[in-house]
Amino acid sequence: MRELLRRLLSWGVLLTLLLPMVIAIVLGLGALLSSLGDESGGAACGRVGLVIGAAWFLALVATATASGIMALEAGTSRPERPDRSDNSLADR
């Protein structure tokens, strides 16, 4: 389970960083195509940009969820501290 979360977190971080650049390139290409008179190409790039934006949002959610689960899991796997009762002080 931990390996799956690490893999999900790695992909989530990678996609969270890369997808905004891809969105900018696709929307820029759409604006260029529209300015050159290719309205259908510009509209298609706008739709592709919207799909990539939705994928970016899912990558953000996956990254936040995976990091939260890993943080909670790391908090529960700590070894317990030894009991420091009055009897242990008397033994010293």
PDB file of N, CA and C in Angstrom:
ATOM      1  N   MET A   1       0.826  -1.190   0.000  1.00  0.00           N
ATOM      2  CA  MET A   1       0.000   0.000   0.000  1.00  0.00           C
ATOM      3  C   MET A   1       0.875   1.261   0.000  1.00  0.00           C
ATOM      4  N   ARG A   2       1.942   1.224   0.806  1.00  0.00           N
ATOM      5  CA  ARG A   2       2.822   2.386   0.898  1.00  0.00           C
ATOM      6  C   ARG A   2       3.503   2.668  -0.443  1.00  0.00           C
ATOM      7  N   GLU A   3       3.901   1.610  -1.144  1.00  0.00           N
ATOM      8  CA  GLU A   3       4.547   1.804  -2.449  1.00  0.00           C
ATOM      9  C   GLU A   3       3.576   2.412  -3.458  1.00  0.00           C
ATOM     10  N   LEU A   4       2.323   2.000  -3.412  1.00  0.00           N
ATOM     11  CA  LEU A   4       1.305   2.569  -4.287  1.00  0.00           C
ATOM     12  C   LEU A   4       1.106   4.050  -3.995  1.00  0.00           C
ATOM     13  N   LEU A   5       1.074   4.407  -2.718  1.00  0.00           N
ATOM     14  CA  LEU A   5       0.930   5.822  -2.352  1.00  0.00           C
ATOM     15  C   LEU A   5       2.137   6.650  -2.791  1.00  0.00           C
ATOM     16  N   ARG A   6       3.329   6.076  -2.654  1.00  0.00           N
ATOM     17  CA  ARG A   6       4.535   6.799  -3.091  1.00  0.00           C
ATOM     18  C   ARG A   6       4.520   7.021  -4.597  1.00  0.00           C
ATOM     19  N   ARG A   7       4.078   6.006  -5.328  1.00  0.00           N
ATOM     20  CA  ARG A   7       3.999   6.137  -6.782  1.00  0.00           C
ATOM     21  C   ARG A   7       2.945   7.170  -7.183  1.00  0.00           C
ATOM     22  N   LEU A   8       1.791   7.135  -6.523  1.00  0.00           N
ATOM     23  CA  LEU A   8       0.730   8.106  -6.777  1.00  0.00           C
ATOM     24  C   LEU A   8       1.201   9.520  -6.458  1.00  0.00           C
ATOM     25  N   LEU A   9       1.911   9.667  -5.357  1.00  0.00           N
ATOM     26  CA  LEU A   9       2.424  10.978  -4.983  1.00  0.00           C
ATOM     27  C   LEU A   9       3.464  11.474  -5.985  1.00  0.00           C
ATOM     28  N   SER A  10       4.324  10.589  -6.448  1.00  0.00           N
ATOM     29  CA  SER A  10       5.333  10.978  -7.443  1.00  0.00           C
ATOM     30  C   SER A  10       4.681  11.447  -8.743  1.00  0.00           C
ATOM     31  N   TRP A  11       3.721  10.672  -9.230  1.00  0.00           N
ATOM     32  CA  TRP A  11       3.033  11.063 -10.462  1.00  0.00           C
ATOM     33  C   TRP A  11       2.221  12.332 -10.263  1.00  0.00           C
ATOM     34  N   GLY A  12       1.600  12.461  -9.095  1.00  0.00           N
ATOM     35  CA  GLY A  12       0.817  13.655  -8.822  1.00  0.00           C
ATOM     36  C   GLY A  12       1.659  14.912  -8.817  1.00  0.00           C
ATOM     37  N   VAL A  13       2.824  14.843  -8.185  1.00  0.00           N
ATOM     38  CA  VAL A  13       3.721  16.009  -8.160  1.00  0.00           C
ATOM     39  C   VAL A  13       4.221  16.323  -9.565  1.00  0.00           C
ATOM     40  N   LEU A  14       4.599  15.299 -10.302  1.00  0.00           N
ATOM     41  CA  LEU A  14       5.088  15.509 -11.668  1.00  0.00           C
ATOM     42  C   LEU A  14       4.024  16.164 -12.546  1.00  0.00           C
ATOM     43  N   LEU A  15       2.808  15.647 -12.495  1.00  0.00           N
ATOM     44  CA  LEU A  15       1.731  16.209 -13.314  1.00  0.00           C
ATOM     45  C   LEU A  15       1.308  17.592 -12.841  1.00  0.00           C
ATOM     46  N   THR A  16       1.374  17.821 -11.527  1.00  0.00           N
ATOM     47  CA  THR A  16       1.029  19.131 -10.999  1.00  0.00           C
ATOM     48  C   THR A  16       1.991  20.203 -11.502  1.00  0.00           C
ATOM     49  N   LEU A  17       3.245  19.827 -11.693  1.00  0.00           N
ATOM     50  CA  LEU A  17       4.234  20.788 -12.176  1.00  0.00           C
ATOM     51  C   LEU A  17       4.223  20.941 -13.700  1.00  0.00           C
ATOM     52  N   LEU A  18       3.947  19.866 -14.413  1.00  0.00           N
ATOM     53  CA  LEU A  18       4.056  19.916 -15.878  1.00  0.00           C
ATOM     54  C   LEU A  18       2.777  20.363 -16.599  1.00  0.00           C
ATOM     55  N   LEU A  19       1.625  19.998 -16.075  1.00  0.00           N
ATOM     56  CA  LEU A  19       0.382  20.289 -16.802  1.00  0.00           C
ATOM     57  C   LEU A  19       0.098  21.781 -16.989  1.00  0.00           C
ATOM     58  N   PRO A  20       0.430  22.676 -16.055  1.00  0.00           N
ATOM     59  CA  PRO A  20       0.203  24.095 -16.352  1.00  0.00           C
ATOM     60  C   PRO A  20       1.007  24.591 -17.558  1.00  0.00           C
ATOM     61  N   MET A  21       2.203  24.047 -17.738  1.00  0.00           N
ATOM     62  CA  MET A  21       2.992  24.429 -18.921  1.00  0.00           C
ATOM     63  C   MET A  21       2.335  23.925 -20.203  1.00  0.00           C
ATOM     64  N   VAL A  22       1.814  22.710 -20.144  1.00  0.00           N
ATOM     65  CA  VAL A  22       1.130  22.150 -21.311  1.00  0.00           C
ATOM     66  C   VAL A  22      -0.121  22.955 -21.628  1.00  0.00           C
ATOM     67  N   ILE A  23      -0.846  23.352 -20.587  1.00  0.00           N
ATOM     68  CA  ILE A  23      -2.046  24.173 -20.793  1.00  0.00           C
ATOM     69  C   ILE A  23      -1.684  25.489 -21.473  1.00  0.00           C
ATOM     70  N   ALA A  24      -0.622  26.123 -21.014  1.00  0.00           N
ATOM     71  CA  ALA A  24      -0.210  27.396 -21.608  1.00  0.00           C
ATOM     72  C   ALA A  24       0.167  27.232 -23.075  1.00  0.00           C
ATOM     73  N   ILE A  25       0.858  26.161 -23.384  1.00  0.00           N
ATOM     74  CA  ILE A  25       1.263  25.919 -24.782  1.00  0.00           C
ATOM     75  C   ILE A  25       0.042  25.666 -25.658  1.00  0.00           C
ATOM     76  N   VAL A  26      -0.882  24.834 -25.187  1.00  0.00           N
ATOM     77  CA  VAL A  26      -2.066  24.497 -25.992  1.00  0.00           C
ATOM     78  C   VAL A  26      -2.961  25.719 -26.187  1.00  0.00           C
ATOM     79  N   LEU A  27      -3.172  26.498 -25.119  1.00  0.00           N
ATOM     80  CA  LEU A  27      -4.005  27.692 -25.258  1.00  0.00           C
ATOM     81  C   LEU A  27      -3.321  28.757 -26.111  1.00  0.00           C
ATOM     82  N   GLY A  28      -2.006  28.854 -26.003  1.00  0.00           N
ATOM     83  CA  GLY A  28      -1.269  29.772 -26.879  1.00  0.00           C
ATOM     84  C   GLY A  28      -1.380  29.369 -28.336  1.00  0.00           C
ATOM     85  N   LEU A  29      -1.284  28.077 -28.593  1.00  0.00           N
ATOM     86  CA  LEU A  29      -1.458  27.589 -29.965  1.00  0.00           C
ATOM     87  C   LEU A  29      -2.866  27.872 -30.460  1.00  0.00           C
ATOM     88  N   GLY A  30      -3.856  27.717 -29.582  1.00  0.00           N
ATOM     89  CA  GLY A  30      -5.238  28.018 -29.958  1.00  0.00           C
ATOM     90  C   GLY A  30      -5.415  29.485 -30.308  1.00  0.00           C
ATOM     91  N   ALA A  31      -4.787  30.369 -29.521  1.00  0.00           N
ATOM     92  CA  ALA A  31      -4.873  31.804 -29.821  1.00  0.00           C
ATOM     93  C   ALA A  31      -4.173  32.130 -31.143  1.00  0.00           C
ATOM     94  N   LEU A  32      -3.048  31.474 -31.385  1.00  0.00           N
ATOM     95  CA  LEU A  32      -2.338  31.684 -32.649  1.00  0.00           C
ATOM     96  C   LEU A  32      -3.169  31.221 -33.831  1.00  0.00           C
ATOM     97  N   LEU A  33      -3.764  30.056 -33.705  1.00  0.00           N
ATOM     98  CA  LEU A  33      -4.601  29.544 -34.795  1.00  0.00           C
ATOM     99  C   LEU A  33      -5.809  30.443 -35.036  1.00  0.00           C
ATOM    100  N   SER A  34      -6.408  30.936 -33.968  1.00  0.00           N
ATOM    101  CA  SER A  34      -7.559  31.842 -34.123  1.00  0.00           C
ATOM    102  C   SER A  34      -7.162  33.137 -34.802  1.00  0.00           C
ATOM    103  N   SER A  35      -5.994  33.663 -34.446  1.00  0.00           N
ATOM    104  CA  SER A  35      -5.554  34.919 -35.068  1.00  0.00           C
ATOM    105  C   SER A  35      -5.186  34.737 -36.532  1.00  0.00           C
ATOM    106  N   LEU A  36      -4.834  33.521 -36.922  1.00  0.00           N
ATOM    107  CA  LEU A  36      -4.529  33.240 -38.317  1.00  0.00           C
ATOM    108  C   LEU A  36      -5.773  32.886 -39.127  1.00  0.00           C
ATOM    109  N   GLY A  37      -6.931  32.855 -38.450  1.00  0.00           N
ATOM    110  CA  GLY A  37      -8.182  32.609 -39.160  1.00  0.00           C
ATOM    111  C   GLY A  37      -8.698  31.194 -39.055  1.00  0.00           C
ATOM    112  N   ASP A  38      -8.024  30.328 -38.337  1.00  0.00           N
ATOM    113  CA  ASP A  38      -8.472  28.948 -38.181  1.00  0.00           C
ATOM    114  C   ASP A  38      -9.293  28.846 -36.889  1.00  0.00           C
ATOM    115  N   GLU A  39     -10.574  29.202 -37.013  1.00  0.00           N
ATOM    116  CA  GLU A  39     -11.436  29.219 -35.828  1.00  0.00           C
ATOM    117  C   GLU A  39     -11.688  27.824 -35.274  1.00  0.00           C
ATOM    118  N   SER A  40     -11.810  26.822 -36.152  1.00  0.00           N
ATOM    119  CA  SER A  40     -12.064  25.459 -35.663  1.00  0.00           C
ATOM    120  C   SER A  40     -10.837  24.912 -34.918  1.00  0.00           C
ATOM    121  N   GLY A  41      -9.643  25.235 -35.399  1.00  0.00           N
ATOM    122  CA  GLY A  41      -8.424  24.814 -34.700  1.00  0.00           C
ATOM    123  C   GLY A  41      -8.289  25.492 -33.349  1.00  0.00           C
ATOM    124  N   GLY A  42      -8.644  26.781 -33.290  1.00  0.00           N
ATOM    125  CA  GLY A  42      -8.607  27.505 -32.022  1.00  0.00           C
ATOM    126  C   GLY A  42      -9.598  26.953 -31.020  1.00  0.00           C
ATOM    127  N   ALA A  43     -10.799  26.616 -31.513  1.00  0.00           N
ATOM    128  CA  ALA A  43     -11.815  26.035 -30.630  1.00  0.00           C
ATOM    129  C   ALA A  43     -11.393  24.654 -30.133  1.00  0.00           C
ATOM    130  N   ALA A  44     -10.774  23.876 -31.011  1.00  0.00           N
ATOM    131  CA  ALA A  44     -10.305  22.543 -30.606  1.00  0.00           C
ATOM    132  C   ALA A  44      -9.213  22.659 -29.545  1.00  0.00           C
ATOM    133  N   CYS A  45      -8.311  23.601 -29.714  1.00  0.00           N
ATOM    134  CA  CYS A  45      -7.264  23.800 -28.703  1.00  0.00           C
ATOM    135  C   CYS A  45      -7.863  24.273 -27.387  1.00  0.00           C
ATOM    136  N   GLY A  46      -8.911  25.072 -27.444  1.00  0.00           N
ATOM    137  CA  GLY A  46      -9.587  25.495 -26.226  1.00  0.00           C
ATOM    138  C   GLY A  46     -10.202  24.327 -25.485  1.00  0.00           C
ATOM    139  N   ARG A  47     -10.802  23.399 -26.233  1.00  0.00           N
ATOM    140  CA  ARG A  47     -11.405  22.219 -25.602  1.00  0.00           C
ATOM    141  C   ARG A  47     -10.333  21.297 -25.022  1.00  0.00           C
ATOM    142  N   VAL A  48      -9.240  21.130 -25.758  1.00  0.00           N
ATOM    143  CA  VAL A  48      -8.134  20.313 -25.248  1.00  0.00           C
ATOM    144  C   VAL A  48      -7.541  20.954 -23.993  1.00  0.00           C
ATOM    145  N   GLY A  49      -7.428  22.270 -24.008  1.00  0.00           N
ATOM    146  CA  GLY A  49      -6.944  22.975 -22.821  1.00  0.00           C
ATOM    147  C   GLY A  49      -7.857  22.772 -21.628  1.00  0.00           C
ATOM    148  N   LEU A  50      -9.155  22.729 -21.857  1.00  0.00           N
ATOM    149  CA  LEU A  50     -10.112  22.485 -20.781  1.00  0.00           C
ATOM    150  C   LEU A  50      -9.952  21.080 -20.210  1.00  0.00           C
ATOM    151  N   VAL A  51      -9.749  20.100 -21.066  1.00  0.00           N
ATOM    152  CA  VAL A  51      -9.547  18.723 -20.607  1.00  0.00           C
ATOM    153  C   VAL A  51      -8.252  18.623 -19.808  1.00  0.00           C
ATOM    154  N   ILE A  52      -7.203  19.269 -20.287  1.00  0.00           N
ATOM    155  CA  ILE A  52      -5.933  19.242 -19.560  1.00  0.00           C
ATOM    156  C   ILE A  52      -6.069  19.968 -18.220  1.00  0.00           C
ATOM    157  N   GLY A  53      -6.852  21.031 -18.186  1.00  0.00           N
ATOM    158  CA  GLY A  53      -7.109  21.726 -16.929  1.00  0.00           C
ATOM    159  C   GLY A  53      -7.818  20.830 -15.917  1.00  0.00           C
ATOM    160  N   ALA A  54      -8.765  20.038 -16.387  1.00  0.00           N
ATOM    161  CA  ALA A  54      -9.450  19.092 -15.499  1.00  0.00           C
ATOM    162  C   ALA A  54      -8.477  18.026 -14.996  1.00  0.00           C
ATOM    163  N   ALA A  55      -7.590  17.564 -15.870  1.00  0.00           N
ATOM    164  CA  ALA A  55      -6.577  16.586 -15.455  1.00  0.00           C
ATOM    165  C   ALA A  55      -5.626  17.198 -14.432  1.00  0.00           C
ATOM    166  N   TRP A  56      -5.302  18.472 -14.594  1.00  0.00           N
ATOM    167  CA  TRP A  56      -4.439  19.163 -13.637  1.00  0.00           C
ATOM    168  C   TRP A  56      -5.111  19.238 -12.268  1.00  0.00           C
ATOM    169  N   PHE A  57      -6.403  19.555 -12.263  1.00  0.00           N
ATOM    170  CA  PHE A  57      -7.143  19.602 -11.003  1.00  0.00           C
ATOM    171  C   PHE A  57      -7.144  18.227 -10.325  1.00  0.00           C
ATOM    172  N   LEU A  58      -7.338  17.166 -11.093  1.00  0.00           N
ATOM    173  CA  LEU A  58      -7.301  15.821 -10.525  1.00  0.00           C
ATOM    174  C   LEU A  58      -5.916  15.478  -9.982  1.00  0.00           C
ATOM    175  N   ALA A  59      -4.870  15.948 -10.666  1.00  0.00           N
ATOM    176  CA  ALA A  59      -3.510  15.719 -10.172  1.00  0.00           C
ATOM    177  C   ALA A  59      -3.285  16.446  -8.852  1.00  0.00           C
ATOM    178  N   LEU A  60      -3.825  17.652  -8.719  1.00  0.00           N
ATOM    179  CA  LEU A  60      -3.717  18.383  -7.453  1.00  0.00           C
ATOM    180  C   LEU A  60      -4.428  17.639  -6.330  1.00  0.00           C
ATOM    181  N   VAL A  61      -5.615  17.152  -6.614  1.00  0.00           N
ATOM    182  CA  VAL A  61      -6.387  16.417  -5.605  1.00  0.00           C
ATOM    183  C   VAL A  61      -5.665  15.129  -5.219  1.00  0.00           C
ATOM    184  N   ALA A  62      -5.140  14.405  -6.206  1.00  0.00           N
ATOM    185  CA  ALA A  62      -4.433  13.151  -5.923  1.00  0.00           C
ATOM    186  C   ALA A  62      -3.174  13.409  -5.098  1.00  0.00           C
ATOM    187  N   THR A  63      -2.457  14.478  -5.410  1.00  0.00           N
ATOM    188  CA  THR A  63      -1.248  14.797  -4.663  1.00  0.00           C
ATOM    189  C   THR A  63      -1.574  15.154  -3.214  1.00  0.00           C
ATOM    190  N   ALA A  64      -2.582  15.983  -3.017  1.00  0.00           N
ATOM    191  CA  ALA A  64      -2.957  16.367  -1.658  1.00  0.00           C
ATOM    192  C   ALA A  64      -3.466  15.163  -0.862  1.00  0.00           C
ATOM    193  N   THR A  65      -4.257  14.323  -1.496  1.00  0.00           N
ATOM    194  CA  THR A  65      -4.794  13.161  -0.806  1.00  0.00           C
ATOM    195  C   THR A  65      -3.698  12.168  -0.452  1.00  0.00           C
ATOM    196  N   ALA A  66      -2.814  11.882  -1.397  1.00  0.00           N
ATOM    197  CA  ALA A  66      -1.735  10.921  -1.139  1.00  0.00           C
ATOM    198  C   ALA A  66      -0.785  11.429  -0.067  1.00  0.00           C
ATOM    199  N   SER A  67      -0.458  12.711  -0.093  1.00  0.00           N
ATOM    200  CA  SER A  67       0.449  13.231   0.928  1.00  0.00           C
ATOM    201  C   SER A  67      -0.223  13.245   2.295  1.00  0.00           C
ATOM    202  N   GLY A  68      -1.517  13.517   2.336  1.00  0.00           N
ATOM    203  CA  GLY A  68      -2.235  13.458   3.603  1.00  0.00           C
ATOM    204  C   GLY A  68      -2.280  12.052   4.173  1.00  0.00           C
ATOM    205  N   ILE A  69      -2.553  11.072   3.342  1.00  0.00           N
ATOM    206  CA  ILE A  69      -2.591   9.682   3.798  1.00  0.00           C
ATOM    207  C   ILE A  69      -1.220   9.244   4.282  1.00  0.00           C
ATOM    208  N   MET A  70      -0.171   9.612   3.545  1.00  0.00           N
ATOM    209  CA  MET A  70       1.177   9.231   3.968  1.00  0.00           C
ATOM    210  C   MET A  70       1.565   9.908   5.280  1.00  0.00           C
ATOM    211  N   ALA A  71       1.147  11.154   5.468  1.00  0.00           N
ATOM    212  CA  ALA A  71       1.452  11.845   6.719  1.00  0.00           C
ATOM    213  C   ALA A  71       0.730  11.181   7.888  1.00  0.00           C
ATOM    214  N   LEU A  72      -0.521  10.813   7.692  1.00  0.00           N
ATOM    215  CA  LEU A  72      -1.258  10.126   8.751  1.00  0.00           C
ATOM    216  C   LEU A  72      -0.672   8.749   9.037  1.00  0.00           C
ATOM    217  N   GLU A  73      -0.262   8.064   7.970  1.00  0.00           N
ATOM    218  CA  GLU A  73       0.317   6.738   8.131  1.00  0.00           C
ATOM    219  C   GLU A  73       1.664   6.814   8.846  1.00  0.00           C
ATOM    220  N   ALA A  74       2.440   7.830   8.560  1.00  0.00           N
ATOM    221  CA  ALA A  74       3.740   7.978   9.212  1.00  0.00           C
ATOM    222  C   ALA A  74       3.565   8.306  10.688  1.00  0.00           C
ATOM    223  N   GLY A  75       2.511   8.999  11.029  1.00  0.00           N
ATOM    224  CA  GLY A  75       2.262   9.337  12.420  1.00  0.00           C
ATOM    225  C   GLY A  75       1.867   8.143  13.267  1.00  0.00           C
ATOM    226  N   THR A  76       1.252   7.140  12.660  1.00  0.00           N
ATOM    227  CA  THR A  76       0.807   5.976  13.426  1.00  0.00           C
ATOM    228  C   THR A  76       1.875   4.898  13.497  1.00  0.00           C
ATOM    229  N   SER A  77       2.902   4.963  12.689  1.00  0.00           N
ATOM    230  CA  SER A  77       3.907   3.905  12.673  1.00  0.00           C
ATOM    231  C   SER A  77       5.087   4.198  13.600  1.00  0.00           C
ATOM    232  N   ARG A  78       5.024   5.242  14.377  1.00  0.00           N
ATOM    233  CA  ARG A  78       6.101   5.541  15.314  1.00  0.00           C
ATOM    234  C   ARG A  78       6.114   4.509  16.438  1.00  0.00           C
ATOM    235  N   PRO A  79       7.299   4.146  16.885  1.00  0.00           N
ATOM    236  CA  PRO A  79       7.340   3.219  18.021  1.00  0.00           C
ATOM    237  C   PRO A  79       6.868   3.929  19.287  1.00  0.00           C
ATOM    238  N   GLU A  80       6.226   3.167  20.138  1.00  0.00           N
ATOM    239  CA  GLU A  80       5.714   3.747  21.369  1.00  0.00           C
ATOM    240  C   GLU A  80       6.859   4.043  22.321  1.00  0.00           C
ATOM    241  N   ARG A  81       6.704   5.090  23.094  1.00  0.00           N
ATOM    242  CA  ARG A  81       7.710   5.465  24.074  1.00  0.00           C
ATOM    243  C   ARG A  81       7.600   4.534  25.273  1.00  0.00           C
ATOM    244  N   PRO A  82       8.712   4.264  25.915  1.00  0.00           N
ATOM    245  CA  PRO A  82       8.636   3.418  27.114  1.00  0.00           C
ATOM    246  C   PRO A  82       7.864   4.123  28.224  1.00  0.00           C
ATOM    247  N   ASP A  83       7.207   3.334  29.010  1.00  0.00           N
ATOM    248  CA  ASP A  83       6.407   3.868  30.106  1.00  0.00           C
ATOM    249  C   ASP A  83       7.328   4.419  31.186  1.00  0.00           C
ATOM    250  N   ARG A  84       7.136   5.667  31.555  1.00  0.00           N
ATOM    251  CA  ARG A  84       7.975   6.309  32.570  1.00  0.00           C
ATOM    252  C   ARG A  84       7.160   6.498  33.844  1.00  0.00           C
ATOM    253  N   SER A  85       6.962   5.436  34.526  1.00  0.00           N
ATOM    254  CA  SER A  85       6.220   5.513  35.776  1.00  0.00           C
ATOM    255  C   SER A  85       7.184   5.760  36.934  1.00  0.00           C
ATOM    256  N   ASP A  86       6.657   5.922  38.104  1.00  0.00           N
ATOM    257  CA  ASP A  86       7.492   6.157  39.291  1.00  0.00           C
ATOM    258  C   ASP A  86       8.387   4.979  39.613  1.00  0.00           C
ATOM    259  N   ASN A  87       7.967   3.778  39.250  1.00  0.00           N
ATOM    260  CA  ASN A  87       8.768   2.581  39.520  1.00  0.00           C
ATOM    261  C   ASN A  87      10.058   2.573  38.740  1.00  0.00           C
ATOM    262  N   SER A  88      10.047   3.089  37.522  1.00  0.00           N
ATOM    263  CA  SER A  88      11.270   3.096  36.726  1.00  0.00           C
ATOM    264  C   SER A  88      12.287   4.084  37.287  1.00  0.00           C
ATOM    265  N   LEU A  89      11.830   5.135  37.958  1.00  0.00           N
ATOM    266  CA  LEU A  89      12.744   6.101  38.555  1.00  0.00           C
ATOM    267  C   LEU A  89      13.387   5.516  39.809  1.00  0.00           C
ATOM    268  N   ALA A  90      12.689   4.660  40.506  1.00  0.00           N
ATOM    269  CA  ALA A  90      13.218   4.055  41.731  1.00  0.00           C
ATOM    270  C   ALA A  90      14.324   3.066  41.419  1.00  0.00           C
ATOM    271  N   ASP A  91      14.296   2.490  40.204  1.00  0.00           N
ATOM    272  CA  ASP A  91      15.313   1.506  39.836  1.00  0.00           C
ATOM    273  C   ASP A  91      16.670   2.149  39.599  1.00  0.00           C
ATOM    274  N   ARG A  92      16.728   3.422  39.375  1.00  0.00           N
ATOM    275  CA  ARG A  92      17.991   4.086  39.047  1.00  0.00           C
ATOM    276  C   ARG A  92      18.826   4.234  40.218  1.00  0.00           C
TER     277      ARG A  92
END
